[in-house]
Amino acid sequence: MKMKQSVGEKTFDYLNVLFMIILIIVTLYPFLYVLFSSVSDPGLLAKNRGILYMPLGFTLKAYELVFSNSMVMVGYMNTLFYVVVGTTINIFLTSLGAYALSRRNAMLVKPIMMMIIFTMFFSGGLIPTYLLIGELGMMDTRWALIIPNAMSVWNLIIMRTSFKAIPVSLEESARMDGANDFTILFKIILPLSLPVIAVMVLFYGVGHWNSYFNAMIYLRDRELFPLQLILREILITNSTDNFISGVGGGDRYPVGETVKYATIMVATLPILFLYPFLQKYFVKGVMIGSVKE
């Protein structure tokens, strides 16, 4: 039997809905503004000083200029390399570390975890890290963006917690059948931890996709630049000349503005399309630690 709500409860529900609608609008509108601006006519957009509710004279000219620029495509390919290779290394090393530290009979687990957690609060610093990268011969190479970030302590803790929640009886049964640690990890632990692994893939993948600071410090060769560093050059240094070299003088500024918006969309949409496919695993990830023997 459904209980009848009081006037106060109904008012509270309506206010909650109103608040959520306002929050959604405030959160979503900046994205829509960039989207509408990227497909608007440059001349009309330059004259507009108000809120955009729709594109002003629909055109894909800005996207044509973006994709005709070779550096954008180079940045795309580099970013895909960093995301795929970097995330693969991240998941592999994090899984190995989490498995070793989740074993109940392993030695010195607590001291090792304390040393690992210590690095979350105190790092070596930017200058020592820069010198170390140079001494290791990784300066101005792709590996400078992958090896130093090969493992996240926070993600290691999350995966370790997931592994510890798996009943130990499964491991004991496997060992009775002659399985070693690698067999247990890759045949039992990882298949049972797919929701957590999917979340880790998303965390690491988004981190690599959005990374630009390390590239700005360690890379000098523009052929190795990720997409986000190219986007930064366009937005911060206002370097859209390479995109609009064939545009007349009076039209260069408005076209340059739409190119900025189009580049933002090109750099944002791929990672947005990935979220819906992995979102369901966040719900399953909430159940970490709920399995009991």
Protein backbone atom coordinates (compact mmCIF):
# COMPACT_ATOMS: atom_id res chain seq x y z
CA MET A 1 0.00 0.00 0.00
CA LYS A 2 1.41 3.33 -1.07
CA MET A 3 1.59 5.87 1.73
CA LYS A 4 0.19 9.31 1.08
CA GLN A 5 2.79 12.08 1.16
CA SER A 6 2.29 15.11 3.30
CA VAL A 7 2.42 18.65 1.92
CA GLY A 8 5.90 19.12 3.37
CA GLU A 9 7.21 15.92 1.75
CA LYS A 10 5.76 16.89 -1.64
CA THR A 11 7.28 20.36 -1.36
CA PHE A 12 10.63 18.84 -0.47
CA ASP A 13 10.46 16.49 -3.49
CA TYR A 14 9.54 19.34 -5.86
CA LEU A 15 12.40 21.48 -4.55
CA ASN A 16 14.80 18.57 -5.02
CA VAL A 17 13.66 18.11 -8.62
CA LEU A 18 13.94 21.85 -9.28
CA PHE A 19 17.43 21.92 -7.78
CA MET A 20 18.54 18.96 -9.90
CA ILE A 21 17.15 20.57 -13.08
CA ILE A 22 19.06 23.77 -12.33
CA LEU A 23 22.20 21.77 -11.57
CA ILE A 24 21.91 19.84 -14.84
CA ILE A 25 21.45 23.05 -16.83
CA VAL A 26 24.42 24.75 -15.15
CA THR A 27 26.59 21.68 -15.70
CA LEU A 28 25.50 20.85 -19.24
CA TYR A 29 25.22 24.33 -20.78
CA PRO A 30 28.98 25.07 -21.07
CA PHE A 31 29.34 21.89 -23.13
CA LEU A 32 26.37 22.84 -25.31
CA TYR A 33 27.75 26.36 -25.74
CA VAL A 34 31.05 24.98 -27.07
CA LEU A 35 29.17 22.54 -29.31
CA PHE A 36 26.87 25.22 -30.75
CA SER A 37 29.78 27.64 -31.22
CA SER A 38 31.85 25.04 -33.06
CA VAL A 39 29.18 24.58 -35.72
CA SER A 40 28.15 28.25 -35.97
CA ASP A 41 28.97 30.70 -38.72
CA PRO A 42 32.15 32.57 -37.63
CA GLY A 43 30.81 35.98 -38.62
CA LEU A 44 27.49 35.55 -36.77
CA LEU A 45 29.24 34.10 -33.73
CA ALA A 46 31.60 37.10 -33.53
CA LYS A 47 28.61 39.44 -33.37
CA ASN A 48 26.83 37.42 -30.69
CA ARG A 49 27.45 38.45 -27.09
CA GLY A 50 24.63 36.57 -25.40
CA ILE A 51 23.59 33.02 -24.57
CA LEU A 52 23.48 30.50 -27.40
CA TYR A 53 20.38 28.31 -27.60
CA MET A 54 21.25 26.84 -30.99
CA PRO A 55 23.94 27.16 -33.69
CA LEU A 56 24.07 30.46 -35.54
CA GLY A 57 24.06 29.51 -39.22
CA PHE A 58 25.05 25.85 -39.16
CA THR A 59 28.42 25.10 -40.77
CA LEU A 60 31.18 22.51 -40.35
CA LYS A 61 33.92 24.79 -41.67
CA ALA A 62 35.75 24.81 -38.34
CA TYR A 63 35.88 21.00 -38.24
CA GLU A 64 37.16 20.93 -41.82
CA LEU A 65 40.00 23.25 -40.81
CA VAL A 66 40.77 21.21 -37.70
CA PHE A 67 40.96 17.86 -39.50
CA SER A 68 42.90 19.35 -42.40
CA ASN A 69 45.69 20.28 -39.98
CA SER A 70 48.30 17.52 -39.83
CA MET A 71 49.28 18.22 -36.21
CA VAL A 72 45.78 17.40 -34.96
CA MET A 73 45.91 13.97 -36.59
CA VAL A 74 49.46 13.43 -35.29
CA GLY A 75 48.25 14.40 -31.83
CA TYR A 76 45.31 11.99 -32.14
CA MET A 77 47.54 9.07 -33.08
CA ASN A 78 50.02 9.89 -30.31
CA THR A 79 47.26 10.14 -27.74
CA LEU A 80 45.78 6.81 -28.81
CA PHE A 81 49.24 5.25 -28.40
CA TYR A 82 49.64 6.74 -24.92
CA VAL A 83 46.15 5.63 -23.89
CA VAL A 84 46.35 2.06 -25.23
CA VAL A 85 49.95 1.24 -24.33
CA GLY A 86 49.95 3.23 -21.09
CA THR A 87 46.67 1.76 -19.83
CA THR A 88 47.78 -1.78 -20.70
CA ILE A 89 50.99 -1.34 -18.69
CA ASN A 90 49.03 0.31 -15.86
CA ILE A 91 46.53 -2.54 -15.56
CA PHE A 92 49.22 -5.23 -15.80
CA LEU A 93 51.47 -3.73 -13.11
CA THR A 94 48.60 -2.71 -10.84
CA SER A 95 47.14 -6.22 -11.02
CA LEU A 96 50.47 -7.83 -10.15
CA GLY A 97 51.05 -5.44 -7.25
CA ALA A 98 47.51 -5.75 -5.92
CA TYR A 99 47.63 -9.54 -6.07
CA ALA A 100 50.94 -9.76 -4.21
CA LEU A 101 49.79 -7.34 -1.50
CA SER A 102 46.40 -9.04 -1.07
CA ARG A 103 47.87 -12.45 -0.14
CA ARG A 104 47.07 -13.26 3.48
CA ASN A 105 50.30 -15.20 4.04
CA ALA A 106 52.63 -12.74 2.31
CA MET A 107 55.54 -11.32 4.30
CA LEU A 108 56.03 -7.64 5.15
CA VAL A 109 52.73 -6.58 3.57
CA LYS A 110 52.04 -3.83 6.12
CA PRO A 111 55.51 -2.19 5.91
CA ILE A 112 55.40 -2.31 2.12
CA MET A 113 51.90 -0.78 2.06
CA MET A 114 53.04 1.96 4.42
CA MET A 115 55.95 2.82 2.10
CA ILE A 116 53.64 2.81 -0.91
CA ILE A 117 51.05 5.01 0.81
CA PHE A 118 53.86 7.36 1.90
CA THR A 119 54.38 8.28 -1.77
CA MET A 120 50.82 9.61 -1.93
CA PHE A 121 51.75 12.40 0.47
CA PHE A 122 55.41 13.04 -0.35
CA SER A 123 56.91 12.87 -3.84
CA GLY A 124 60.44 13.31 -5.12
CA GLY A 125 59.58 16.71 -6.58
CA LEU A 126 59.48 18.03 -10.11
CA ILE A 127 63.16 18.89 -10.55
CA PRO A 128 64.56 15.56 -9.23
CA THR A 129 62.03 13.70 -11.38
CA TYR A 130 63.06 15.75 -14.42
CA LEU A 131 66.73 14.95 -13.79
CA LEU A 132 65.92 11.27 -13.28
CA ILE A 133 64.02 11.08 -16.57
CA GLY A 134 67.03 12.63 -18.30
CA GLU A 135 69.50 10.24 -16.68
CA LEU A 136 67.37 7.26 -17.72
CA GLY A 137 67.48 8.41 -21.33
CA MET A 138 63.72 8.85 -21.61
CA MET A 139 63.75 12.59 -22.32
CA ASP A 140 61.95 13.45 -25.55
CA THR A 141 60.64 9.89 -25.97
CA ARG A 142 57.16 8.38 -25.69
CA TRP A 143 58.19 6.41 -22.60
CA ALA A 144 58.61 9.60 -20.59
CA LEU A 145 54.80 9.84 -20.52
CA ILE A 146 54.20 6.15 -19.73
CA ILE A 147 56.88 4.72 -17.41
CA PRO A 148 56.82 7.43 -14.66
CA ASN A 149 53.04 6.96 -14.32
CA ALA A 150 53.05 3.18 -14.63
CA MET A 151 51.08 2.68 -11.42
CA SER A 152 48.68 4.73 -9.31
CA VAL A 153 48.78 4.10 -5.56
CA TRP A 154 45.10 4.91 -5.20
CA ASN A 155 44.12 2.46 -7.93
CA LEU A 156 46.43 -0.14 -6.39
CA ILE A 157 44.60 0.17 -3.08
CA ILE A 158 41.20 -0.16 -4.78
CA MET A 159 42.24 -3.26 -6.73
CA ARG A 160 43.89 -4.80 -3.66
CA THR A 161 40.65 -4.34 -1.72
CA SER A 162 38.74 -6.06 -4.53
CA PHE A 163 41.15 -9.00 -4.59
CA LYS A 164 40.98 -9.43 -0.82
CA ALA A 165 37.18 -9.71 -1.02
CA ILE A 166 37.39 -12.86 -3.18
CA PRO A 167 36.89 -15.97 -1.01
CA VAL A 168 40.19 -17.60 -0.11
CA SER A 169 38.61 -21.03 -0.63
CA LEU A 170 38.81 -20.47 -4.40
CA GLU A 171 42.56 -20.00 -4.18
CA GLU A 172 42.97 -23.01 -1.90
CA SER A 173 40.98 -25.21 -4.29
CA ALA A 174 43.08 -24.04 -7.22
CA ARG A 175 46.33 -24.77 -5.39
CA MET A 176 45.11 -28.28 -4.58
CA ASP A 177 44.65 -28.74 -8.33
CA GLY A 178 48.25 -27.67 -8.94
CA ALA A 179 47.72 -24.01 -9.92
CA ASN A 180 50.53 -21.54 -9.31
CA ASP A 181 50.20 -17.81 -8.56
CA PHE A 182 50.10 -16.73 -12.20
CA THR A 183 47.35 -19.25 -12.96
CA ILE A 184 45.33 -18.11 -9.94
CA LEU A 185 45.72 -14.46 -10.89
CA PHE A 186 44.91 -14.72 -14.59
CA LYS A 187 42.41 -17.60 -14.47
CA ILE A 188 40.51 -16.87 -11.24
CA ILE A 189 41.19 -13.47 -9.66
CA LEU A 190 41.09 -11.25 -12.74
CA PRO A 191 37.95 -12.85 -14.32
CA LEU A 192 36.12 -12.33 -11.01
CA SER A 193 37.32 -8.71 -10.86
CA LEU A 194 36.23 -7.51 -14.30
CA PRO A 195 34.05 -4.65 -12.93
CA VAL A 196 37.00 -3.23 -11.00
CA ILE A 197 39.34 -3.70 -13.96
CA ALA A 198 36.88 -1.85 -16.20
CA VAL A 199 36.83 1.03 -13.74
CA MET A 200 40.63 1.01 -13.62
CA VAL A 201 40.75 1.08 -17.43
CA LEU A 202 38.49 4.13 -17.38
CA PHE A 203 40.52 5.91 -14.68
CA TYR A 204 43.87 5.24 -16.33
CA GLY A 205 42.55 5.85 -19.84
CA VAL A 206 41.01 9.22 -18.97
CA GLY A 207 44.20 10.17 -17.14
CA HIS A 208 46.33 9.45 -20.22
CA TRP A 209 43.83 11.13 -22.55
CA ASN A 210 43.76 14.36 -20.53
CA SER A 211 47.47 14.47 -19.71
CA TYR A 212 49.48 17.35 -21.11
CA PHE A 213 51.73 18.58 -18.28
CA ASN A 214 54.32 15.79 -18.50
CA ALA A 215 54.40 16.14 -22.28
CA MET A 216 54.98 19.88 -21.93
CA ILE A 217 57.98 19.22 -19.68
CA TYR A 218 59.60 16.13 -21.20
CA LEU A 219 58.87 16.45 -24.93
CA ARG A 220 60.44 18.81 -27.45
CA ASP A 221 59.68 16.90 -30.64
CA ARG A 222 56.27 18.07 -31.90
CA GLU A 223 55.78 14.74 -33.64
CA LEU A 224 55.40 13.18 -30.18
CA PHE A 225 52.94 15.74 -28.80
CA PRO A 226 49.61 14.38 -27.51
CA LEU A 227 46.36 15.97 -28.60
CA GLN A 228 45.85 17.80 -25.31
CA LEU A 229 49.16 19.64 -25.65
CA ILE A 230 48.18 20.79 -29.13
CA LEU A 231 44.81 21.88 -27.73
CA ARG A 232 46.62 23.82 -25.02
CA GLU A 233 48.71 25.65 -27.60
CA ILE A 234 45.55 26.66 -29.44
CA LEU A 235 43.70 27.87 -26.33
CA ILE A 236 46.49 29.36 -24.22
CA THR A 237 48.89 30.73 -26.82
CA ASN A 238 46.12 31.51 -29.33
CA SER A 239 48.04 29.70 -32.09
CA THR A 240 45.34 29.09 -34.70
CA ASP A 241 47.36 30.52 -37.59
CA ASN A 242 48.24 27.05 -38.89
CA PHE A 243 44.54 26.26 -39.19
CA ILE A 244 43.39 29.44 -40.92
CA SER A 245 46.34 30.20 -43.20
CA GLY A 246 44.04 30.29 -46.21
CA VAL A 247 41.44 32.60 -44.66
CA GLY A 248 41.25 36.27 -45.57
CA GLY A 249 42.55 38.87 -43.12
CA GLY A 250 39.22 40.25 -41.90
CA ASP A 251 37.79 36.79 -41.31
CA ARG A 252 40.77 35.31 -39.48
CA TYR A 253 39.69 36.22 -35.93
CA PRO A 254 36.10 34.86 -36.04
CA VAL A 255 37.22 31.72 -37.87
CA GLY A 256 39.99 31.26 -35.32
CA GLU A 257 37.42 31.38 -32.51
CA THR A 258 35.27 28.65 -34.05
CA VAL A 259 38.40 26.56 -34.63
CA LYS A 260 39.12 26.74 -30.91
CA TYR A 261 35.66 25.44 -30.07
CA ALA A 262 35.87 22.72 -32.71
CA THR A 263 39.24 21.56 -31.37
CA ILE A 264 37.80 21.33 -27.86
CA MET A 265 34.97 19.13 -29.15
CA VAL A 266 37.34 16.94 -31.15
CA ALA A 267 39.43 16.39 -28.01
CA THR A 268 36.42 15.80 -25.73
CA LEU A 269 33.89 13.67 -27.64
CA PRO A 270 35.90 10.40 -27.89
CA ILE A 271 36.28 10.08 -24.13
CA LEU A 272 32.62 11.04 -23.59
CA PHE A 273 31.50 8.20 -25.85
CA LEU A 274 33.49 5.76 -23.71
CA TYR A 275 31.70 6.59 -20.46
CA PRO A 276 28.28 5.05 -21.25
CA PHE A 277 29.85 1.66 -22.02
CA LEU A 278 31.74 1.53 -18.73
CA GLN A 279 29.23 3.34 -16.52
CA LYS A 280 27.45 0.11 -15.52
CA TYR A 281 30.66 -1.20 -13.96
CA PHE A 282 30.65 1.64 -11.44
CA VAL A 283 27.46 0.19 -9.96
CA LYS A 284 29.10 -3.23 -9.69
CA GLY A 285 32.20 -1.62 -8.24
CA VAL A 286 30.13 -0.43 -5.29
CA MET A 287 29.81 -4.09 -4.29
CA ILE A 288 33.57 -4.40 -3.71
CA GLY A 289 34.13 -6.10 -0.41
CA SER A 290 30.56 -7.39 -0.07
CA VAL A 291 31.44 -11.01 -0.96
CA LYS A 292 31.64 -13.18 2.14
CA GLU A 293 32.60 -16.78 2.59
